[in-house]
PDB file of N, CA and C in Angstrom:
ATOM      1  N   MET A   1      40.060  88.030  59.709  1.00  0.00           N
ATOM      2  CA  MET A   1      39.970  86.598  59.217  1.00  0.00           C
ATOM      3  C   MET A   1      40.753  86.466  58.095  1.00  0.00           C
ATOM      4  N   ARG A   2      41.922  85.645  58.221  1.00  0.00           N
ATOM      5  CA  ARG A   2      42.597  85.291  57.003  1.00  0.00           C
ATOM      6  C   ARG A   2      42.008  84.811  55.865  1.00  0.00           C
ATOM      7  N   GLY A   3      42.339  85.228  54.557  1.00  0.00           N
ATOM      8  CA  GLY A   3      41.680  84.804  53.237  1.00  0.00           C
ATOM      9  C   GLY A   3      40.171  85.269  53.225  1.00  0.00           C
ATOM     10  N   SER A   4      40.141  86.259  53.775  1.00  0.00           N
ATOM     11  CA  SER A   4      38.455  87.013  53.703  1.00  0.00           C
ATOM     12  C   SER A   4      38.661  88.285  52.981  1.00  0.00           C
ATOM     13  N   ALA A   5      37.537  88.773  52.506  1.00  0.00           N
ATOM     14  CA  ALA A   5      37.363  89.860  51.787  1.00  0.00           C
ATOM     15  C   ALA A   5      36.165  90.623  52.418  1.00  0.00           C
ATOM     16  N   ALA A   6      36.588  91.769  52.871  1.00  0.00           N
ATOM     17  CA  ALA A   6      35.592  92.666  53.549  1.00  0.00           C
ATOM     18  C   ALA A   6      34.615  93.430  52.233  1.00  0.00           C
ATOM     19  N   VAL A   7      33.472  93.135  52.637  1.00  0.00           N
ATOM     20  CA  VAL A   7      32.606  93.788  51.567  1.00  0.00           C
ATOM     21  C   VAL A   7      31.521  94.980  52.071  1.00  0.00           C
ATOM     22  N   ASP A   8      31.769  95.261  53.377  1.00  0.00           N
ATOM     23  CA  ASP A   8      30.657  96.417  53.893  1.00  0.00           C
ATOM     24  C   ASP A   8      31.505  96.776  55.102  1.00  0.00           C
ATOM     25  N   VAL A   9      31.410  98.151  55.344  1.00  0.00           N
ATOM     26  CA  VAL A   9      31.903  98.652  56.696  1.00  0.00           C
ATOM     27  C   VAL A   9      30.886  99.756  57.087  1.00  0.00           C
ATOM     28  N   ASP A  10      30.371  99.846  58.330  1.00  0.00           N
ATOM     29  CA  ASP A  10      29.390 100.825  58.560  1.00  0.00           C
ATOM     30  C   ASP A  10      29.727 101.156  60.220  1.00  0.00           C
ATOM     31  N   TYR A  11      29.658 102.412  60.607  1.00  0.00           N
ATOM     32  CA  TYR A  11      29.883 102.615  62.020  1.00  0.00           C
ATOM     33  C   TYR A  11      28.429 102.532  62.611  1.00  0.00           C
ATOM     34  N   SER A  12      28.509 101.857  63.734  1.00  0.00           N
ATOM     35  CA  SER A  12      27.212 101.610  64.603  1.00  0.00           C
ATOM     36  C   SER A  12      27.323 102.420  65.835  1.00  0.00           C
ATOM     37  N   ASP A  13      26.631 103.460  65.781  1.00  0.00           N
ATOM     38  CA  ASP A  13      26.397 104.214  67.214  1.00  0.00           C
ATOM     39  C   ASP A  13      26.037 103.450  68.333  1.00  0.00           C
ATOM     40  N   ASP A  14      24.965 102.645  68.267  1.00  0.00           N
ATOM     41  CA  ASP A  14      24.497 101.694  69.284  1.00  0.00           C
ATOM     42  C   ASP A  14      25.555 100.790  69.825  1.00  0.00           C
ATOM     43  N   ARG A  15      26.422 100.217  68.882  1.00  0.00           N
ATOM     44  CA  ARG A  15      27.284  99.404  69.456  1.00  0.00           C
ATOM     45  C   ARG A  15      28.879 100.048  69.570  1.00  0.00           C
ATOM     46  N   GLN A  16      28.972 101.315  69.158  1.00  0.00           N
ATOM     47  CA  GLN A  16      29.968 102.243  69.351  1.00  0.00           C
ATOM     48  C   GLN A  16      31.420 101.432  68.992  1.00  0.00           C
ATOM     49  N   GLY A  17      31.133 101.129  67.536  1.00  0.00           N
ATOM     50  CA  GLY A  17      32.163 100.463  66.881  1.00  0.00           C
ATOM     51  C   GLY A  17      31.800 100.424  65.518  1.00  0.00           C
ATOM     52  N   TRP A  18      32.820  99.814  64.375  1.00  0.00           N
ATOM     53  CA  TRP A  18      32.490  99.488  63.104  1.00  0.00           C
ATOM     54  C   TRP A  18      31.928  98.068  63.002  1.00  0.00           C
ATOM     55  N   GLU A  19      30.854  97.923  62.256  1.00  0.00           N
ATOM     56  CA  GLU A  19      30.320  96.534  61.851  1.00  0.00           C
ATOM     57  C   GLU A  19      31.044  96.464  60.570  1.00  0.00           C
ATOM     58  N   VAL A  20      31.815  95.236  60.255  1.00  0.00           N
ATOM     59  CA  VAL A  20      32.420  94.756  59.237  1.00  0.00           C
ATOM     60  C   VAL A  20      31.860  93.508  58.650  1.00  0.00           C
ATOM     61  N   GLU A  21      31.464  93.616  57.500  1.00  0.00           N
ATOM     62  CA  GLU A  21      30.891  92.136  57.057  1.00  0.00           C
ATOM     63  C   GLU A  21      32.156  91.728  56.022  1.00  0.00           C
ATOM     64  N   LEU A  22      32.401  90.534  56.119  1.00  0.00           N
ATOM     65  CA  LEU A  22      33.275  89.721  55.388  1.00  0.00           C
ATOM     66  C   LEU A  22      32.829  88.485  54.656  1.00  0.00           C
ATOM     67  N   ILE A  23      33.283  88.088  53.588  1.00  0.00           N
ATOM     68  CA  ILE A  23      32.962  86.909  52.977  1.00  0.00           C
ATOM     69  C   ILE A  23      34.489  86.099  52.919  1.00  0.00           C
ATOM     70  N   SER A  24      34.186  84.817  53.395  1.00  0.00           N
ATOM     71  CA  SER A  24      35.480  84.038  53.394  1.00  0.00           C
ATOM     72  C   SER A  24      34.750  82.464  53.091  1.00  0.00           C
ATOM     73  N   GLY A  25      35.566  81.899  51.941  1.00  0.00           N
ATOM     74  CA  GLY A  25      34.880  80.556  51.702  1.00  0.00           C
ATOM     75  C   GLY A  25      33.375  80.343  51.538  1.00  0.00           C
ATOM     76  N   GLY A  26      32.817  81.429  51.060  1.00  0.00           N
ATOM     77  CA  GLY A  26      31.369  81.387  50.675  1.00  0.00           C
ATOM     78  C   GLY A  26      30.395  81.586  51.802  1.00  0.00           C
ATOM     79  N   THR A  27      31.001  82.039  52.929  1.00  0.00           N
ATOM     80  CA  THR A  27      30.433  82.253  54.294  1.00  0.00           C
ATOM     81  C   THR A  27      30.381  83.619  54.550  1.00  0.00           C
ATOM     82  N   GLU A  28      29.377  84.340  55.000  1.00  0.00           N
ATOM     83  CA  GLU A  28      29.269  85.767  55.447  1.00  0.00           C
ATOM     84  C   GLU A  28      29.703  85.701  56.991  1.00  0.00           C
ATOM     85  N   HIS A  29      30.467  86.767  57.453  1.00  0.00           N
ATOM     86  CA  HIS A  29      30.779  86.817  58.795  1.00  0.00           C
ATOM     87  C   HIS A  29      30.614  88.321  58.985  1.00  0.00           C
ATOM     88  N   GLU A  30      30.136  88.531  60.414  1.00  0.00           N
ATOM     89  CA  GLU A  30      30.173  89.899  60.679  1.00  0.00           C
ATOM     90  C   GLU A  30      31.165  90.220  62.047  1.00  0.00           C
ATOM     91  N   VAL A  31      31.858  91.117  61.902  1.00  0.00           N
ATOM     92  CA  VAL A  31      32.959  91.509  63.095  1.00  0.00           C
ATOM     93  C   VAL A  31      32.609  93.064  63.601  1.00  0.00           C
ATOM     94  N   LEU A  32      32.679  93.229  64.550  1.00  0.00           N
ATOM     95  CA  LEU A  32      32.334  94.454  65.328  1.00  0.00           C
ATOM     96  C   LEU A  32      33.756  94.877  65.734  1.00  0.00           C
ATOM     97  N   VAL A  33      34.240  96.015  65.502  1.00  0.00           N
ATOM     98  CA  VAL A  33      35.697  96.491  65.737  1.00  0.00           C
ATOM     99  C   VAL A  33      35.532  97.735  66.583  1.00  0.00           C
ATOM    100  N   LEU A  34      36.361  97.878  67.536  1.00  0.00           N
ATOM    101  CA  LEU A  34      36.301  99.015  68.389  1.00  0.00           C
ATOM    102  C   LEU A  34      36.485 100.436  67.351  1.00  0.00           C
ATOM    103  N   ALA A  35      35.803 101.331  67.668  1.00  0.00           N
ATOM    104  CA  ALA A  35      36.115 102.558  66.960  1.00  0.00           C
ATOM    105  C   ALA A  35      37.254 102.940  66.344  1.00  0.00           C
ATOM    106  N   ASP A  36      38.257 102.942  67.172  1.00  0.00           N
ATOM    107  CA  ASP A  36      39.706 103.129  66.748  1.00  0.00           C
ATOM    108  C   ASP A  36      40.190 102.067  65.878  1.00  0.00           C
ATOM    109  N   GLY A  37      39.669 100.883  65.851  1.00  0.00           N
ATOM    110  CA  GLY A  37      40.203  99.859  65.142  1.00  0.00           C
ATOM    111  C   GLY A  37      41.142  98.879  65.897  1.00  0.00           C
ATOM    112  N   SER A  38      41.309  99.204  67.114  1.00  0.00           N
ATOM    113  CA  SER A  38      42.286  98.501  68.108  1.00  0.00           C
ATOM    114  C   SER A  38      41.850  97.029  68.550  1.00  0.00           C
ATOM    115  N   GLU A  39      40.551  96.995  68.429  1.00  0.00           N
ATOM    116  CA  GLU A  39      40.326  95.612  69.146  1.00  0.00           C
ATOM    117  C   GLU A  39      38.913  95.130  68.418  1.00  0.00           C
ATOM    118  N   VAL A  40      38.905  93.757  68.235  1.00  0.00           N
ATOM    119  CA  VAL A  40      37.619  93.088  67.930  1.00  0.00           C
ATOM    120  C   VAL A  40      36.746  93.002  69.003  1.00  0.00           C
ATOM    121  N   LEU A  41      35.586  93.412  68.955  1.00  0.00           N
ATOM    122  CA  LEU A  41      34.785  93.265  70.091  1.00  0.00           C
ATOM    123  C   LEU A  41      33.754  91.920  70.146  1.00  0.00           C
ATOM    124  N   ASP A  42      33.467  91.620  69.077  1.00  0.00           N
ATOM    125  CA  ASP A  42      32.441  90.606  68.681  1.00  0.00           C
ATOM    126  C   ASP A  42      32.600  89.974  67.262  1.00  0.00           C
ATOM    127  N   GLN A  43      32.299  88.754  67.024  1.00  0.00           N
ATOM    128  CA  GLN A  43      32.215  88.238  65.703  1.00  0.00           C
ATOM    129  C   GLN A  43      31.166  87.172  65.579  1.00  0.00           C
ATOM    130  N   ARG A  44      30.612  86.854  64.543  1.00  0.00           N
ATOM    131  CA  ARG A  44      29.633  85.934  64.331  1.00  0.00           C
ATOM    132  C   ARG A  44      29.566  85.529  62.854  1.00  0.00           C
ATOM    133  N   ASP A  45      29.191  84.223  62.589  1.00  0.00           N
ATOM    134  CA  ASP A  45      28.981  83.924  61.089  1.00  0.00           C
ATOM    135  C   ASP A  45      27.563  84.049  61.030  1.00  0.00           C
ATOM    136  N   LYS A  46      27.289  84.656  59.655  1.00  0.00           N
ATOM    137  CA  LYS A  46      25.916  85.037  59.294  1.00  0.00           C
ATOM    138  C   LYS A  46      25.228  83.912  58.431  1.00  0.00           C
ATOM    139  N   GLY A  47      26.048  82.911  58.153  1.00  0.00           N
ATOM    140  CA  GLY A  47      25.588  81.791  57.138  1.00  0.00           C
ATOM    141  C   GLY A  47      26.224  81.848  55.708  1.00  0.00           C
ATOM    142  N   PRO A  48      25.622  81.258  54.959  1.00  0.00           N
ATOM    143  CA  PRO A  48      26.193  81.331  53.336  1.00  0.00           C
ATOM    144  C   PRO A  48      25.917  82.856  52.703  1.00  0.00           C
ATOM    145  N   ALA A  49      27.056  83.153  52.100  1.00  0.00           N
ATOM    146  CA  ALA A  49      26.817  84.543  51.377  1.00  0.00           C
ATOM    147  C   ALA A  49      25.954  84.411  50.464  1.00  0.00           C
ATOM    148  N   ASP A  50      25.295  85.600  50.135  1.00  0.00           N
ATOM    149  CA  ASP A  50      24.430  85.839  48.845  1.00  0.00           C
ATOM    150  C   ASP A  50      25.422  85.575  47.553  1.00  0.00           C
ATOM    151  N   GLU A  51      24.791  85.001  46.652  1.00  0.00           N
ATOM    152  CA  GLU A  51      25.499  84.600  45.316  1.00  0.00           C
ATOM    153  C   GLU A  51      25.995  85.938  44.645  1.00  0.00           C
ATOM    154  N   GLU A  52      25.123  86.989  44.636  1.00  0.00           N
ATOM    155  CA  GLU A  52      25.669  88.134  44.033  1.00  0.00           C
ATOM    156  C   GLU A  52      26.783  88.777  44.761  1.00  0.00           C
ATOM    157  N   ASP A  53      26.966  88.745  46.030  1.00  0.00           N
ATOM    158  CA  ASP A  53      28.142  89.135  46.708  1.00  0.00           C
ATOM    159  C   ASP A  53      29.301  88.413  46.560  1.00  0.00           C
ATOM    160  N   ARG A  54      29.048  87.129  46.387  1.00  0.00           N
ATOM    161  CA  ARG A  54      30.330  86.205  46.185  1.00  0.00           C
ATOM    162  C   ARG A  54      30.816  86.597  44.752  1.00  0.00           C
ATOM    163  N   ARG A  55      30.106  86.667  43.879  1.00  0.00           N
ATOM    164  CA  ARG A  55      30.583  87.075  42.484  1.00  0.00           C
ATOM    165  C   ARG A  55      31.222  88.394  42.577  1.00  0.00           C
ATOM    166  N   ALA A  56      30.686  89.351  43.275  1.00  0.00           N
ATOM    167  CA  ALA A  56      31.386  90.734  43.238  1.00  0.00           C
ATOM    168  C   ALA A  56      32.606  90.531  43.912  1.00  0.00           C
ATOM    169  N   VAL A  57      32.781  89.815  45.067  1.00  0.00           N
ATOM    170  CA  VAL A  57      34.052  89.452  45.720  1.00  0.00           C
ATOM    171  C   VAL A  57      35.136  88.860  44.610  1.00  0.00           C
ATOM    172  N   GLU A  58      34.696  87.740  43.919  1.00  0.00           N
ATOM    173  CA  GLU A  58      35.456  87.132  43.186  1.00  0.00           C
ATOM    174  C   GLU A  58      36.089  87.940  42.107  1.00  0.00           C
ATOM    175  N   SER A  59      35.256  89.113  41.632  1.00  0.00           N
ATOM    176  CA  SER A  59      35.630  89.954  40.486  1.00  0.00           C
ATOM    177  C   SER A  59      36.502  91.156  40.935  1.00  0.00           C
ATOM    178  N   ALA A  60      36.298  91.505  42.352  1.00  0.00           N
ATOM    179  CA  ALA A  60      37.061  92.768  42.633  1.00  0.00           C
ATOM    180  C   ALA A  60      38.408  92.538  42.721  1.00  0.00           C
ATOM    181  N   THR A  61      39.144  93.428  42.312  1.00  0.00           N
ATOM    182  CA  THR A  61      40.773  93.375  42.555  1.00  0.00           C
ATOM    183  C   THR A  61      41.151  94.678  43.423  1.00  0.00           C
ATOM    184  N   VAL A  62      40.488  95.684  43.673  1.00  0.00           N
ATOM    185  CA  VAL A  62      40.380  96.703  44.683  1.00  0.00           C
ATOM    186  C   VAL A  62      39.773  96.428  45.750  1.00  0.00           C
ATOM    187  N   SER A  63      40.580  96.429  46.933  1.00  0.00           N
ATOM    188  CA  SER A  63      40.158  96.129  48.240  1.00  0.00           C
ATOM    189  C   SER A  63      39.400  97.466  48.804  1.00  0.00           C
ATOM    190  N   LEU A  64      38.630  96.984  49.870  1.00  0.00           N
ATOM    191  CA  LEU A  64      37.878  98.009  50.597  1.00  0.00           C
ATOM    192  C   LEU A  64      38.778  99.226  51.140  1.00  0.00           C
ATOM    193  N   ALA A  65      40.052  98.874  51.455  1.00  0.00           N
ATOM    194  CA  ALA A  65      40.898  99.891  52.087  1.00  0.00           C
ATOM    195  C   ALA A  65      41.242 100.868  50.977  1.00  0.00           C
ATOM    196  N   GLU A  66      41.489 100.074  49.788  1.00  0.00           N
ATOM    197  CA  GLU A  66      41.992 100.984  48.580  1.00  0.00           C
ATOM    198  C   GLU A  66      40.697 101.963  48.112  1.00  0.00           C
ATOM    199  N   ALA A  67      39.521 101.441  48.119  1.00  0.00           N
ATOM    200  CA  ALA A  67      38.417 102.082  47.552  1.00  0.00           C
ATOM    201  C   ALA A  67      38.373 103.274  48.560  1.00  0.00           C
ATOM    202  N   ILE A  68      38.385 103.053  49.949  1.00  0.00           N
ATOM    203  CA  ILE A  68      38.069 104.247  50.842  1.00  0.00           C
ATOM    204  C   ILE A  68      39.220 105.260  50.694  1.00  0.00           C
ATOM    205  N   GLU A  69      40.481 105.016  50.312  1.00  0.00           N
ATOM    206  CA  GLU A  69      41.533 105.783  50.292  1.00  0.00           C
ATOM    207  C   GLU A  69      41.205 106.692  48.964  1.00  0.00           C
ATOM    208  N   THR A  70      40.988 105.900  48.000  1.00  0.00           N
ATOM    209  CA  THR A  70      40.712 106.931  46.724  1.00  0.00           C
ATOM    210  C   THR A  70      39.263 107.757  46.910  1.00  0.00           C
ATOM    211  N   ALA A  71      38.521 107.296  47.578  1.00  0.00           N
ATOM    212  CA  ALA A  71      37.072 108.087  47.808  1.00  0.00           C
ATOM    213  C   ALA A  71      37.492 109.199  48.845  1.00  0.00           C
ATOM    214  N   GLN A  72      38.437 109.192  49.762  1.00  0.00           N
ATOM    215  CA  GLN A  72      39.022 110.359  50.650  1.00  0.00           C
ATOM    216  C   GLN A  72      39.777 111.277  50.023  1.00  0.00           C
ATOM    217  N   GLN A  73      40.289 110.945  48.842  1.00  0.00           N
ATOM    218  CA  GLN A  73      41.016 111.818  47.921  1.00  0.00           C
ATOM    219  C   GLN A  73      40.143 112.652  47.083  1.00  0.00           C
ATOM    220  N   ALA A  74      39.147 111.965  46.906  1.00  0.00           N
ATOM    221  CA  ALA A  74      38.160 112.925  46.125  1.00  0.00           C
ATOM    222  C   ALA A  74      36.969 113.629  46.878  1.00  0.00           C
ATOM    223  N   ALA A  75      36.796 113.234  48.068  1.00  0.00           N
ATOM    224  CA  ALA A  75      35.892 113.992  48.890  1.00  0.00           C
ATOM    225  C   ALA A  75      36.437 114.103  50.462  1.00  0.00           C
ATOM    226  N   VAL A  76      36.728 115.241  51.013  1.00  0.00           N
ATOM    227  CA  VAL A  76      37.305 115.351  52.199  1.00  0.00           C
ATOM    228  C   VAL A  76      36.326 115.192  53.310  1.00  0.00           C
ATOM    229  N   GLY A  77      36.680 114.442  54.324  1.00  0.00           N
ATOM    230  CA  GLY A  77      35.747 114.018  55.370  1.00  0.00           C
ATOM    231  C   GLY A  77      36.035 112.856  55.887  1.00  0.00           C
ATOM    232  N   ASP A  78      35.074 112.457  56.966  1.00  0.00           N
ATOM    233  CA  ASP A  78      35.211 110.853  57.667  1.00  0.00           C
ATOM    234  C   ASP A  78      34.328 110.087  56.865  1.00  0.00           C
ATOM    235  N   LEU A  79      34.855 108.828  56.906  1.00  0.00           N
ATOM    236  CA  LEU A  79      34.075 107.570  56.185  1.00  0.00           C
ATOM    237  C   LEU A  79      32.775 107.383  57.132  1.00  0.00           C
ATOM    238  N   GLU A  80      31.890 107.409  56.357  1.00  0.00           N
ATOM    239  CA  GLU A  80      30.603 107.119  57.189  1.00  0.00           C
ATOM    240  C   GLU A  80      30.004 105.580  56.708  1.00  0.00           C
ATOM    241  N   GLU A  81      30.141 105.133  55.550  1.00  0.00           N
ATOM    242  CA  GLU A  81      30.012 103.739  55.100  1.00  0.00           C
ATOM    243  C   GLU A  81      30.619 103.343  53.819  1.00  0.00           C
ATOM    244  N   ALA A  82      30.794 102.188  53.650  1.00  0.00           N
ATOM    245  CA  ALA A  82      31.362 101.746  52.223  1.00  0.00           C
ATOM    246  C   ALA A  82      30.983 100.371  52.133  1.00  0.00           C
ATOM    247  N   SER A  83      30.347  99.884  50.829  1.00  0.00           N
ATOM    248  CA  SER A  83      30.058  98.627  50.392  1.00  0.00           C
ATOM    249  C   SER A  83      30.488  98.183  49.160  1.00  0.00           C
ATOM    250  N   LEU A  84      30.505  96.889  49.097  1.00  0.00           N
ATOM    251  CA  LEU A  84      30.630  96.412  47.556  1.00  0.00           C
ATOM    252  C   LEU A  84      29.407  96.181  47.000  1.00  0.00           C
ATOM    253  N   GLU A  85      29.050  96.737  45.863  1.00  0.00           N
ATOM    254  CA  GLU A  85      27.759  96.732  45.046  1.00  0.00           C
ATOM    255  C   GLU A  85      27.964  96.226  43.677  1.00  0.00           C
ATOM    256  N   ASP A  86      26.652  95.756  43.278  1.00  0.00           N
ATOM    257  CA  ASP A  86      26.751  95.383  41.755  1.00  0.00           C
ATOM    258  C   ASP A  86      25.878  96.503  41.229  1.00  0.00           C
ATOM    259  N   GLU A  87      26.675  97.198  40.167  1.00  0.00           N
ATOM    260  CA  GLU A  87      26.099  98.269  39.227  1.00  0.00           C
ATOM    261  C   GLU A  87      26.124  97.739  37.912  1.00  0.00           C
ATOM    262  N   ASN A  88      25.127  97.452  37.313  1.00  0.00           N
ATOM    263  CA  ASN A  88      25.051  97.052  35.764  1.00  0.00           C
ATOM    264  C   ASN A  88      26.055  95.927  35.720  1.00  0.00           C
ATOM    265  N   ASP A  89      25.850  95.053  36.503  1.00  0.00           N
ATOM    266  CA  ASP A  89      26.641  93.597  36.535  1.00  0.00           C
ATOM    267  C   ASP A  89      28.186  93.858  36.521  1.00  0.00           C
ATOM    268  N   LYS A  90      28.677  95.145  37.074  1.00  0.00           N
ATOM    269  CA  LYS A  90      30.144  95.264  37.542  1.00  0.00           C
ATOM    270  C   LYS A  90      30.002  95.548  39.002  1.00  0.00           C
ATOM    271  N   PRO A  91      31.312  95.030  39.737  1.00  0.00           N
ATOM    272  CA  PRO A  91      31.266  95.391  41.064  1.00  0.00           C
ATOM    273  C   PRO A  91      32.017  96.842  41.279  1.00  0.00           C
ATOM    274  N   VAL A  92      31.153  97.610  42.236  1.00  0.00           N
ATOM    275  CA  VAL A  92      31.678  98.873  42.406  1.00  0.00           C
ATOM    276  C   VAL A  92      31.699  98.973  43.942  1.00  0.00           C
ATOM    277  N   TRP A  93      32.553 100.123  44.386  1.00  0.00           N
ATOM    278  CA  TRP A  93      32.526 100.226  45.806  1.00  0.00           C
ATOM    279  C   TRP A  93      31.721 101.491  46.064  1.00  0.00           C
ATOM    280  N   GLU A  94      30.763 101.529  46.834  1.00  0.00           N
ATOM    281  CA  GLU A  94      29.924 102.880  47.201  1.00  0.00           C
ATOM    282  C   GLU A  94      30.736 103.241  48.506  1.00  0.00           C
ATOM    283  N   VAL A  95      31.146 104.389  48.477  1.00  0.00           N
ATOM    284  CA  VAL A  95      31.760 105.021  49.734  1.00  0.00           C
ATOM    285  C   VAL A  95      31.214 106.281  50.141  1.00  0.00           C
ATOM    286  N   GLU A  96      30.699 106.352  51.384  1.00  0.00           N
ATOM    287  CA  GLU A  96      30.133 107.629  51.704  1.00  0.00           C
ATOM    288  C   GLU A  96      31.159 108.494  52.675  1.00  0.00           C
ATOM    289  N   ILE A  97      31.100 109.685  52.465  1.00  0.00           N
ATOM    290  CA  ILE A  97      32.010 110.551  53.244  1.00  0.00           C
ATOM    291  C   ILE A  97      31.394 111.562  53.593  1.00  0.00           C
ATOM    292  N   ARG A  98      31.469 111.851  55.003  1.00  0.00           N
ATOM    293  CA  ARG A  98      30.642 113.025  55.626  1.00  0.00           C
ATOM    294  C   ARG A  98      31.828 114.040  55.760  1.00  0.00           C
ATOM    295  N   SER A  99      31.446 115.430  55.410  1.00  0.00           N
ATOM    296  CA  SER A  99      32.098 116.413  55.674  1.00  0.00           C
ATOM    297  C   SER A  99      32.143 116.906  57.007  1.00  0.00           C
ATOM    298  N   GLU A 100      33.058 117.896  57.520  1.00  0.00           N
ATOM    299  CA  GLU A 100      32.974 118.376  58.659  1.00  0.00           C
ATOM    300  C   GLU A 100      31.748 119.188  58.826  1.00  0.00           C
ATOM    301  N   GLY A 101      31.239 119.810  57.957  1.00  0.00           N
ATOM    302  CA  GLY A 101      29.936 120.617  57.999  1.00  0.00           C
ATOM    303  C   GLY A 101      28.604 119.697  57.812  1.00  0.00           C
ATOM    304  N   GLY A 102      28.824 118.354  57.646  1.00  0.00           N
ATOM    305  CA  GLY A 102      27.725 117.389  57.700  1.00  0.00           C
ATOM    306  C   GLY A 102      27.219 116.910  56.475  1.00  0.00           C
ATOM    307  N   THR A 103      27.873 117.699  55.400  1.00  0.00           N
ATOM    308  CA  THR A 103      27.306 117.006  54.098  1.00  0.00           C
ATOM    309  C   THR A 103      27.863 115.596  53.537  1.00  0.00           C
ATOM    310  N   LEU A 104      26.837 114.776  53.134  1.00  0.00           N
ATOM    311  CA  LEU A 104      27.324 113.452  52.709  1.00  0.00           C
ATOM    312  C   LEU A 104      27.489 113.351  51.308  1.00  0.00           C
ATOM    313  N   THR A 105      28.645 112.842  50.908  1.00  0.00           N
ATOM    314  CA  THR A 105      29.012 112.722  49.440  1.00  0.00           C
ATOM    315  C   THR A 105      29.528 111.023  49.157  1.00  0.00           C
ATOM    316  N   GLU A 106      28.658 110.622  48.137  1.00  0.00           N
ATOM    317  CA  GLU A 106      28.691 109.377  47.849  1.00  0.00           C
ATOM    318  C   GLU A 106      29.787 109.265  46.479  1.00  0.00           C
ATOM    319  N   VAL A 107      30.734 108.508  46.786  1.00  0.00           N
ATOM    320  CA  VAL A 107      31.824 108.252  45.710  1.00  0.00           C
ATOM    321  C   VAL A 107      31.785 106.814  45.332  1.00  0.00           C
ATOM    322  N   LEU A 108      31.663 106.639  43.837  1.00  0.00           N
ATOM    323  CA  LEU A 108      31.587 105.319  43.345  1.00  0.00           C
ATOM    324  C   LEU A 108      32.961 104.996  42.794  1.00  0.00           C
ATOM    325  N   ILE A 109      33.542 103.742  43.249  1.00  0.00           N
ATOM    326  CA  ILE A 109      34.908 103.365  42.642  1.00  0.00           C
ATOM    327  C   ILE A 109      34.804 102.056  41.979  1.00  0.00           C
ATOM    328  N   ASP A 110      35.352 101.849  40.799  1.00  0.00           N
ATOM    329  CA  ASP A 110      35.231 100.640  40.096  1.00  0.00           C
ATOM    330  C   ASP A 110      36.073  99.586  40.773  1.00  0.00           C
ATOM    331  N   ALA A 111      35.239  98.566  41.258  1.00  0.00           N
ATOM    332  CA  ALA A 111      36.215  97.687  42.171  1.00  0.00           C
ATOM    333  C   ALA A 111      37.145  96.814  41.276  1.00  0.00           C
ATOM    334  N   VAL A 112      37.281  96.712  39.776  1.00  0.00           N
ATOM    335  CA  VAL A 112      38.291  96.086  39.031  1.00  0.00           C
ATOM    336  C   VAL A 112      39.328  97.086  38.871  1.00  0.00           C
ATOM    337  N   SER A 113      39.069  98.193  38.125  1.00  0.00           N
ATOM    338  CA  SER A 113      40.014  99.269  37.844  1.00  0.00           C
ATOM    339  C   SER A 113      40.571 100.200  38.797  1.00  0.00           C
ATOM    340  N   GLY A 114      39.668 100.209  39.996  1.00  0.00           N
ATOM    341  CA  GLY A 114      40.150 101.443  40.893  1.00  0.00           C
ATOM    342  C   GLY A 114      39.688 102.791  40.487  1.00  0.00           C
ATOM    343  N   GLU A 115      39.371 102.942  39.268  1.00  0.00           N
ATOM    344  CA  GLU A 115      38.839 104.257  38.741  1.00  0.00           C
ATOM    345  C   GLU A 115      37.524 104.824  39.486  1.00  0.00           C
ATOM    346  N   GLN A 116      37.597 106.050  39.891  1.00  0.00           N
ATOM    347  CA  GLN A 116      36.414 106.851  40.430  1.00  0.00           C
ATOM    348  C   GLN A 116      35.448 107.137  39.228  1.00  0.00           C
ATOM    349  N   LEU A 117      34.330 106.498  39.419  1.00  0.00           N
ATOM    350  CA  LEU A 117      33.201 106.804  38.624  1.00  0.00           C
ATOM    351  C   LEU A 117      32.118 107.899  38.720  1.00  0.00           C
ATOM    352  N   ARG A 118      32.218 108.251  40.131  1.00  0.00           N
ATOM    353  CA  ARG A 118      31.580 109.605  40.350  1.00  0.00           C
ATOM    354  C   ARG A 118      31.703 109.890  41.796  1.00  0.00           C
TER     355      ARG A 118
END
């Protein structure tokens, strides 16, 4: 969706694809994307976006893709989930990376500076 900002991505075993939540023009949308990212399987409007989510999107200068790339440099493995959150009134990306051995590592990325916080 043009002019949208992704705020959450999570793999759904049930739906066999990535559930991506986007905010565009104050409205939240959910898009289901094939696991390899090649095709949109479904999309729907979820209604007005939460005020906290809108503020976080407006403040963030680091995209979801940039946050995932930074997190994967810090923790080796596959993306499990990533979401834009509000930590102490600052937008941060929480990115979960699962190692080949199954260990889950949460990496926090400042959504304004791109700095790894943990």
